[in-house]
Amino acid sequence: MNFYVLTLFPEMIQNAVETSITGRAIKSGSISVDTVNIRDFSTRKTMRVDDYPYGGGAGMVMEPEPVFRAVKSVEGKIGGRPRVVYMTPQAQVLDQTKVESLAQEKNLIILCGHYEGIDERVLQETVTDYISIGDYVLTGGELGALVLIDAVSRFVPGVLSNEESSQFESLQDNLLEYPQYTRPEIWHEMSVPSVLLSGDHLRIEKWRHEESLKRTKERRPDLLKNSYRVVCVSYGEPGAAEKGRALTECITRYGEYMDYNRRKLQKTTFRMKPWNLLLMVMPGAAGEGSTSCREAETVVCYDPALSFAERFRGLYGSETPAVLVGSREELAEASSFLEARKFRIIARISPAVFDEDTLLRNTALDIREKTLHFH
């Protein structure tokens, strides 16, 4: 991924990115960070790029033409028009979903303002994204740009040695991360929680989820309004459940899985809450050549004679967002049934989403972004 930082103080960016993880990533070629000095595009012999604001007031405002030329110089270099991010406190605060969205780009321009800001006209003509790093004012946008580069770089393949470090950490599920421990086992008479020493991975994951919820309630209760529990419901041949798990794991660390091939589950009444997200994966998602029940030697086999309404007779929502994956015919039948059961269909997805890893990850990101609007 290539970052282009438009700034009046390129040395602030260059000195910072040459160290730690970003420094190693630049050396390995996983990312590049180029600085563009906006002064180089000044229209004056003095190389000034600012002037007094119309209407009066304190401070100076950056002129539009040097900024416009700087942006165009990058576009000419890469042969296209990338997203242009303007760092400003007058914007939505950066969050993890936005970070992941930006990490999908090949090139990204970050525009750093200074003084009292930049002429509004050039912002309207060039900027695609406005981002704040908090509700406070800094001298310029350079520190915000460094925060953005660091956060986005973590999701670029090859930057981190362990991909799980970026896939599942604080704020990934709109939950703070659980407490971390390392050696020694006892320090200052404080012991590591015994569950972490048990070797029971299911118990450990349960403990981590509970601790994440507890910590979020204590320190950032505001995040819980956008936190949701993904319930992956599948039926059909085993391939459908496998595809459902793959998509769920791209969305959240703490998914719940239900196999509606099971007769007992079909007879059970299950009322999903508004903070749940139903991810329903139907037989058409399994694809041709997928493993059959007999080949998988599974105890519970798919009964295609059972109607959709009969299979899900006990499933109800309460303005619950739902994502459906299946063939066109399956999507139509499921949509009408679930909408009558008080589910809100936010996405209908073709099985083609499973053909490429990049497409699968982008779909998961899109689902997370849509789900935020329902809380």
Protein backbone atom coordinates (compact mmCIF):
# COMPACT_ATOMS: atom_id res chain seq x y z
CA MET A 1 0.00 0.00 0.00
CA ASN A 2 1.23 3.48 -0.86
CA PHE A 3 0.64 6.50 1.37
CA TYR A 4 1.15 10.03 0.04
CA VAL A 5 1.19 12.69 2.75
CA LEU A 6 0.65 16.28 1.61
CA THR A 7 2.16 18.54 4.25
CA LEU A 8 4.08 21.72 4.98
CA PHE A 9 6.41 19.79 7.28
CA PRO A 10 7.52 16.57 5.54
CA GLU A 11 10.30 15.93 8.06
CA MET A 12 7.68 15.33 10.80
CA ILE A 13 6.30 12.41 8.80
CA GLN A 14 9.61 11.04 7.53
CA ASN A 15 11.27 10.91 10.94
CA ALA A 16 8.32 9.13 12.56
CA VAL A 17 7.59 6.42 9.99
CA GLU A 18 11.17 5.16 9.80
CA THR A 19 10.91 3.39 13.16
CA SER A 20 9.08 0.42 14.68
CA ILE A 21 6.53 -1.56 12.66
CA THR A 22 6.04 1.03 9.93
CA GLY A 23 9.79 1.31 9.47
CA ARG A 24 10.13 -2.45 8.99
CA ALA A 25 7.14 -2.48 6.66
CA ILE A 26 8.70 0.21 4.48
CA LYS A 27 12.00 -1.68 4.31
CA SER A 28 10.21 -4.91 3.36
CA GLY A 29 8.15 -3.16 0.68
CA SER A 30 4.78 -3.90 2.29
CA ILE A 31 4.01 -0.18 2.40
CA SER A 32 5.53 3.05 1.15
CA VAL A 33 5.18 6.51 2.66
CA ASP A 34 5.99 9.45 0.38
CA THR A 35 5.76 13.04 1.53
CA VAL A 36 4.77 15.90 -0.77
CA ASN A 37 5.74 19.39 0.34
CA ILE A 38 2.82 21.66 -0.47
CA ARG A 39 5.22 24.65 -0.56
CA ASP A 40 6.78 23.21 -3.71
CA PHE A 41 3.53 24.09 -5.51
CA SER A 42 3.28 27.67 -4.33
CA THR A 43 2.34 30.27 -6.96
CA ARG A 44 4.54 32.90 -5.29
CA LYS A 45 8.28 33.56 -5.48
CA THR A 46 8.36 33.66 -1.68
CA MET A 47 6.92 30.10 -1.60
CA ARG A 48 4.15 31.20 0.73
CA VAL A 49 1.02 29.09 0.66
CA ASP A 50 -1.23 30.98 3.10
CA ASP A 51 -3.15 34.27 3.20
CA TYR A 52 -5.58 36.23 5.38
CA PRO A 53 -9.14 34.87 5.64
CA TYR A 54 -11.97 36.65 3.85
CA GLY A 55 -14.34 38.20 6.36
CA GLY A 56 -11.56 38.79 8.84
CA GLY A 57 -10.58 36.78 11.86
CA ALA A 58 -7.45 35.47 13.50
CA GLY A 59 -4.82 33.38 11.78
CA MET A 60 -4.06 32.45 8.20
CA VAL A 61 -5.72 30.09 5.72
CA MET A 62 -3.91 27.81 3.26
CA GLU A 63 -4.54 28.81 -0.36
CA PRO A 64 -6.41 26.42 -2.67
CA GLU A 65 -4.06 26.37 -5.68
CA PRO A 66 -0.93 24.88 -4.04
CA VAL A 67 -3.04 22.17 -2.41
CA PHE A 68 -4.81 21.43 -5.70
CA ARG A 69 -1.50 21.17 -7.57
CA ALA A 70 -0.04 18.89 -4.90
CA VAL A 71 -2.99 16.53 -5.18
CA LYS A 72 -2.79 16.53 -8.97
CA SER A 73 0.93 15.75 -8.84
CA VAL A 74 0.21 12.53 -6.94
CA GLU A 75 -2.66 11.62 -9.28
CA GLY A 76 -0.34 12.11 -12.24
CA LYS A 77 2.31 9.92 -10.63
CA ILE A 78 0.01 6.97 -9.93
CA GLY A 79 -2.21 7.42 -12.99
CA GLY A 80 -5.55 7.61 -11.21
CA ARG A 81 -7.67 9.34 -8.58
CA PRO A 82 -7.25 7.70 -5.16
CA ARG A 83 -9.17 8.48 -2.00
CA VAL A 84 -8.03 11.74 -0.43
CA VAL A 85 -8.29 11.98 3.36
CA TYR A 86 -8.30 15.39 5.06
CA MET A 87 -7.33 15.29 8.73
CA THR A 88 -9.64 17.66 10.61
CA PRO A 89 -11.42 17.82 13.99
CA GLN A 90 -14.56 18.74 12.02
CA ALA A 91 -15.24 15.11 11.09
CA GLN A 92 -16.31 11.74 12.36
CA VAL A 93 -13.76 10.24 14.74
CA LEU A 94 -11.65 7.47 13.24
CA ASP A 95 -12.77 3.96 14.18
CA GLN A 96 -11.66 0.43 13.38
CA THR A 97 -14.23 -0.11 10.62
CA LYS A 98 -13.01 3.01 8.80
CA VAL A 99 -9.42 1.84 9.23
CA GLU A 100 -10.19 -1.50 7.60
CA SER A 101 -12.03 0.23 4.77
CA LEU A 102 -9.04 2.43 3.99
CA ALA A 103 -6.71 -0.58 4.19
CA GLN A 104 -8.40 -2.00 1.09
CA GLU A 105 -6.97 0.83 -1.03
CA LYS A 106 -3.80 0.54 -3.08
CA ASN A 107 -3.00 4.27 -2.86
CA LEU A 108 -4.10 6.81 -0.26
CA ILE A 109 -3.50 10.56 -0.13
CA ILE A 110 -3.52 12.17 3.32
CA LEU A 111 -3.88 15.94 3.35
CA CYS A 112 -2.56 17.80 6.39
CA GLY A 113 -3.88 21.26 7.10
CA HIS A 114 -2.15 23.96 9.14
CA TYR A 115 -2.81 27.42 10.53
CA GLU A 116 -6.61 28.01 10.52
CA GLY A 117 -7.24 25.36 7.88
CA ILE A 118 -7.50 25.11 4.10
CA ASP A 119 -9.66 27.03 1.65
CA GLU A 120 -13.00 25.22 1.51
CA ARG A 121 -13.18 25.22 -2.29
CA VAL A 122 -10.20 22.95 -2.82
CA LEU A 123 -11.48 20.59 -0.12
CA GLN A 124 -14.79 20.28 -1.96
CA GLU A 125 -13.00 19.53 -5.21
CA THR A 126 -10.41 17.02 -4.03
CA VAL A 127 -11.27 15.41 -0.66
CA THR A 128 -13.20 12.13 -0.46
CA ASP A 129 -12.93 11.42 3.29
CA TYR A 130 -12.84 13.70 6.34
CA ILE A 131 -11.32 12.08 9.44
CA SER A 132 -10.73 13.23 13.02
CA ILE A 133 -8.60 11.48 15.62
CA GLY A 134 -10.47 13.08 18.50
CA ASP A 135 -12.47 16.03 19.72
CA TYR A 136 -9.52 18.35 20.27
CA VAL A 137 -7.43 20.72 18.15
CA LEU A 138 -3.79 20.20 17.11
CA THR A 139 -1.39 22.58 15.43
CA GLY A 140 -1.58 20.66 12.17
CA GLY A 141 -2.73 17.43 10.59
CA GLU A 142 0.63 15.67 10.66
CA LEU A 143 0.14 13.86 13.98
CA GLY A 144 -3.28 12.70 12.83
CA ALA A 145 -1.75 11.47 9.57
CA LEU A 146 0.79 9.40 11.52
CA VAL A 147 -1.99 7.87 13.62
CA LEU A 148 -3.88 6.97 10.45
CA ILE A 149 -0.83 5.47 8.73
CA ASP A 150 -0.03 3.32 11.76
CA ALA A 151 -3.62 2.08 12.17
CA VAL A 152 -4.18 1.32 8.48
CA SER A 153 -0.78 -0.33 7.99
CA ARG A 154 -1.64 -3.02 10.53
CA PHE A 155 -4.22 -4.41 8.10
CA VAL A 156 -1.88 -4.48 5.10
CA PRO A 157 -0.68 -8.05 4.38
CA GLY A 158 2.93 -8.59 5.39
CA VAL A 159 3.12 -5.70 7.86
CA LEU A 160 2.48 -7.78 10.98
CA SER A 161 4.13 -11.14 11.57
CA ASN A 162 0.93 -12.58 13.04
CA GLU A 163 -2.21 -11.76 11.04
CA GLU A 164 -4.38 -12.44 14.08
CA SER A 165 -2.79 -9.41 15.74
CA SER A 166 -4.72 -7.14 13.37
CA GLN A 167 -7.75 -9.34 12.72
CA PHE A 168 -8.86 -9.61 16.35
CA GLU A 169 -7.89 -6.91 18.81
CA SER A 170 -9.44 -4.00 20.68
CA LEU A 171 -12.50 -2.51 18.96
CA GLN A 172 -12.69 -5.23 16.30
CA ASP A 173 -16.16 -6.20 17.55
CA ASN A 174 -16.79 -2.78 19.10
CA LEU A 175 -15.49 -4.35 22.29
CA LEU A 176 -12.29 -3.56 24.15
CA GLU A 177 -9.72 -6.31 24.20
CA TYR A 178 -9.57 -8.73 27.12
CA PRO A 179 -6.68 -8.51 29.66
CA GLN A 180 -3.35 -9.96 28.55
CA TYR A 181 -0.85 -11.89 30.69
CA THR A 182 2.64 -13.32 30.24
CA ARG A 183 5.36 -14.89 32.39
CA PRO A 184 5.95 -15.12 35.30
CA GLU A 185 2.82 -16.98 36.41
CA ILE A 186 2.87 -15.17 39.76
CA TRP A 187 4.06 -11.57 40.06
CA HIS A 188 3.76 -9.39 43.18
CA GLU A 189 1.47 -12.07 44.64
CA MET A 190 -0.90 -11.72 41.68
CA SER A 191 -1.59 -14.88 39.64
CA VAL A 192 -2.51 -15.37 36.03
CA PRO A 193 -6.19 -16.45 35.77
CA SER A 194 -6.28 -20.24 36.00
CA VAL A 195 -8.47 -20.59 32.88
CA LEU A 196 -5.57 -19.31 30.74
CA LEU A 197 -3.41 -22.14 32.04
CA SER A 198 -6.04 -24.82 31.46
CA GLY A 199 -5.32 -25.51 27.78
CA ASP A 200 -9.09 -25.62 27.18
CA HIS A 201 -9.48 -23.31 24.17
CA LEU A 202 -13.27 -23.16 24.36
CA ARG A 203 -13.15 -22.06 28.00
CA ILE A 204 -10.42 -19.55 27.19
CA GLU A 205 -12.44 -18.00 24.35
CA LYS A 206 -15.51 -17.81 26.60
CA TRP A 207 -13.47 -16.11 29.33
CA ARG A 208 -11.99 -13.64 26.86
CA HIS A 209 -15.41 -12.69 25.52
CA GLU A 210 -16.78 -12.19 29.03
CA GLU A 211 -13.77 -10.08 30.01
CA SER A 212 -14.10 -7.98 26.85
CA LEU A 213 -17.74 -7.26 27.66
CA LYS A 214 -16.89 -6.46 31.28
CA ARG A 215 -14.06 -4.11 30.35
CA THR A 216 -16.15 -2.35 27.71
CA LYS A 217 -19.00 -1.77 30.16
CA GLU A 218 -16.55 -0.32 32.69
CA ARG A 219 -14.41 1.85 30.41
CA ARG A 220 -16.31 2.50 27.16
CA PRO A 221 -20.02 1.76 27.61
CA ASP A 222 -20.73 3.96 24.56
CA LEU A 223 -19.26 1.25 22.33
CA LEU A 224 -21.91 -1.28 23.31
CA LYS A 225 -24.59 0.48 21.26
CA ASN A 226 -22.67 -0.66 18.16
CA SER A 227 -21.72 -4.08 19.48
CA TYR A 228 -23.60 -7.08 18.13
CA ARG A 229 -23.58 -10.84 18.42
CA VAL A 230 -23.38 -12.72 15.12
CA VAL A 231 -25.54 -15.83 14.97
CA CYS A 232 -24.66 -17.96 11.94
CA VAL A 233 -27.56 -20.18 10.94
CA SER A 234 -26.94 -22.77 8.24
CA TYR A 235 -28.64 -25.78 6.71
CA GLY A 236 -27.95 -28.05 3.77
CA GLU A 237 -24.83 -30.07 3.02
CA PRO A 238 -21.77 -29.55 5.28
CA GLY A 239 -20.28 -27.13 2.75
CA ALA A 240 -22.89 -24.51 3.67
CA ALA A 241 -21.88 -24.59 7.33
CA GLU A 242 -18.20 -24.36 6.36
CA LYS A 243 -18.85 -21.30 4.21
CA GLY A 244 -20.91 -19.74 6.98
CA ARG A 245 -18.10 -20.20 9.48
CA ALA A 246 -15.58 -18.67 7.08
CA LEU A 247 -17.69 -15.53 6.63
CA THR A 248 -18.56 -15.29 10.33
CA GLU A 249 -14.90 -15.45 11.32
CA CYS A 250 -14.19 -12.52 9.00
CA ILE A 251 -16.89 -10.50 10.74
CA THR A 252 -16.34 -11.34 14.41
CA ARG A 253 -14.27 -13.35 16.82
CA TYR A 254 -17.28 -14.34 18.91
CA GLY A 255 -19.73 -15.98 16.52
CA GLU A 256 -22.46 -18.41 17.51
CA TYR A 257 -23.31 -21.31 15.18
CA MET A 258 -26.61 -23.13 14.68
CA ASP A 259 -27.13 -26.12 12.41
CA TYR A 260 -30.78 -26.15 11.32
CA ASN A 261 -30.42 -29.64 9.92
CA ARG A 262 -31.04 -30.71 13.52
CA ARG A 263 -34.66 -31.66 14.24
CA LYS A 264 -34.44 -30.56 17.87
CA LEU A 265 -33.34 -27.05 16.85
CA GLN A 266 -36.14 -26.84 14.27
CA LYS A 267 -38.68 -27.43 17.04
CA THR A 268 -37.11 -24.89 19.42
CA THR A 269 -38.43 -21.32 19.68
CA PHE A 270 -35.58 -18.85 19.30
CA ARG A 271 -36.24 -15.11 19.51
CA MET A 272 -33.31 -13.01 18.35
CA LYS A 273 -32.69 -9.56 19.83
CA PRO A 274 -32.10 -6.22 18.04
CA TRP A 275 -28.39 -6.45 18.93
CA ASN A 276 -28.05 -9.84 17.24
CA LEU A 277 -27.04 -10.19 13.60
CA LEU A 278 -28.52 -13.17 11.79
CA LEU A 279 -26.21 -14.60 9.15
CA MET A 280 -28.19 -17.26 7.27
CA VAL A 281 -26.25 -19.49 4.90
CA MET A 282 -28.45 -21.66 2.69
CA PRO A 283 -27.72 -24.81 0.62
CA GLY A 284 -26.95 -22.83 -2.54
CA ALA A 285 -23.91 -21.33 -0.81
CA ALA A 286 -22.21 -24.73 -0.55
CA GLY A 287 -21.43 -24.74 -4.27
CA GLU A 288 -20.97 -27.61 -6.66
CA GLY A 289 -18.69 -30.42 -5.62
CA SER A 290 -18.95 -29.64 -1.91
CA THR A 291 -18.75 -32.40 0.66
CA SER A 292 -21.98 -34.35 1.17
CA CYS A 293 -23.37 -35.56 4.49
CA ARG A 294 -22.36 -39.12 3.71
CA GLU A 295 -18.84 -38.14 2.66
CA ALA A 296 -18.46 -36.10 5.85
CA GLU A 297 -19.84 -39.02 7.87
CA THR A 298 -22.01 -36.56 9.81
CA VAL A 299 -24.75 -37.79 12.11
CA VAL A 300 -27.22 -35.09 11.05
CA CYS A 301 -28.06 -35.04 7.35
CA TYR A 302 -29.91 -32.43 5.30
CA ASP A 303 -33.53 -33.23 4.43
CA PRO A 304 -34.34 -31.26 1.24
CA ALA A 305 -38.03 -32.27 1.47
CA LEU A 306 -38.51 -30.06 4.54
CA SER A 307 -39.94 -26.65 3.60
CA PHE A 308 -38.25 -23.42 4.64
CA ALA A 309 -41.25 -22.36 6.72
CA GLU A 310 -41.35 -25.69 8.54
CA ARG A 311 -37.60 -25.72 9.17
CA PHE A 312 -37.61 -22.23 10.71
CA ARG A 313 -41.03 -22.27 12.33
CA GLY A 314 -39.52 -21.40 15.73
CA LEU A 315 -37.25 -18.56 14.56
CA TYR A 316 -38.32 -14.96 15.32
CA GLY A 317 -36.65 -11.55 15.24
CA SER A 318 -37.28 -8.18 16.86
CA GLU A 319 -36.09 -5.67 14.27
CA THR A 320 -33.02 -7.88 14.00
CA PRO A 321 -30.62 -7.20 11.09
CA ALA A 322 -30.15 -10.21 8.83
CA VAL A 323 -27.72 -11.16 6.07
CA LEU A 324 -28.69 -13.93 3.67
CA VAL A 325 -26.38 -16.03 1.50
CA GLY A 326 -27.77 -18.36 -1.13
CA SER A 327 -29.14 -18.78 -4.64
CA ARG A 328 -31.58 -16.27 -6.10
CA GLU A 329 -34.55 -18.52 -5.40
CA GLU A 330 -33.42 -19.19 -1.82
CA LEU A 331 -32.88 -15.48 -1.16
CA ALA A 332 -36.41 -14.62 -2.36
CA GLU A 333 -38.08 -17.27 -0.21
CA ALA A 334 -36.02 -16.51 2.88
CA SER A 335 -36.52 -12.74 2.57
CA SER A 336 -40.31 -12.85 2.55
CA PHE A 337 -40.43 -15.33 5.44
CA LEU A 338 -37.94 -13.52 7.67
CA GLU A 339 -39.35 -10.05 7.03
CA ALA A 340 -42.71 -11.35 8.25
CA ARG A 341 -40.90 -12.58 11.38
CA LYS A 342 -39.54 -9.05 12.14
CA PHE A 343 -36.08 -9.38 10.64
CA ARG A 344 -34.57 -6.53 8.62
CA ILE A 345 -32.69 -7.80 5.58
CA ILE A 346 -29.59 -5.63 5.19
CA ALA A 347 -27.80 -7.75 2.58
CA ARG A 348 -28.55 -10.53 0.10
CA ILE A 349 -25.32 -12.18 -0.99
CA SER A 350 -24.46 -14.49 -3.87
CA PRO A 351 -22.37 -17.63 -3.21
CA ALA A 352 -19.73 -16.05 -5.49
CA VAL A 353 -18.53 -14.15 -2.41
CA PHE A 354 -16.61 -17.29 -1.39
CA ASP A 355 -14.62 -17.47 -4.65
CA GLU A 356 -11.87 -15.08 -3.50
CA ASP A 357 -10.46 -14.29 -0.06
CA THR A 358 -10.34 -10.56 -0.84
CA LEU A 359 -14.00 -10.56 -1.87
CA LEU A 360 -14.93 -12.44 1.30
CA ARG A 361 -13.08 -9.95 3.52
CA ASN A 362 -14.61 -6.96 1.72
CA THR A 363 -18.07 -8.48 2.12
CA ALA A 364 -17.50 -8.95 5.85
CA LEU A 365 -16.38 -5.32 6.14
CA ASP A 366 -19.48 -4.16 4.27
CA ILE A 367 -21.69 -6.18 6.61
CA ARG A 368 -20.09 -4.60 9.68
CA GLU A 369 -20.54 -1.10 8.25
CA LYS A 370 -24.22 -1.75 7.49
CA THR A 371 -24.90 -3.27 10.88
CA LEU A 372 -23.76 -0.11 12.67
CA HIS A 373 -26.86 1.67 11.39
CA PHE A 374 -29.17 -0.68 13.29
CA HIS A 375 -27.94 0.12 16.79
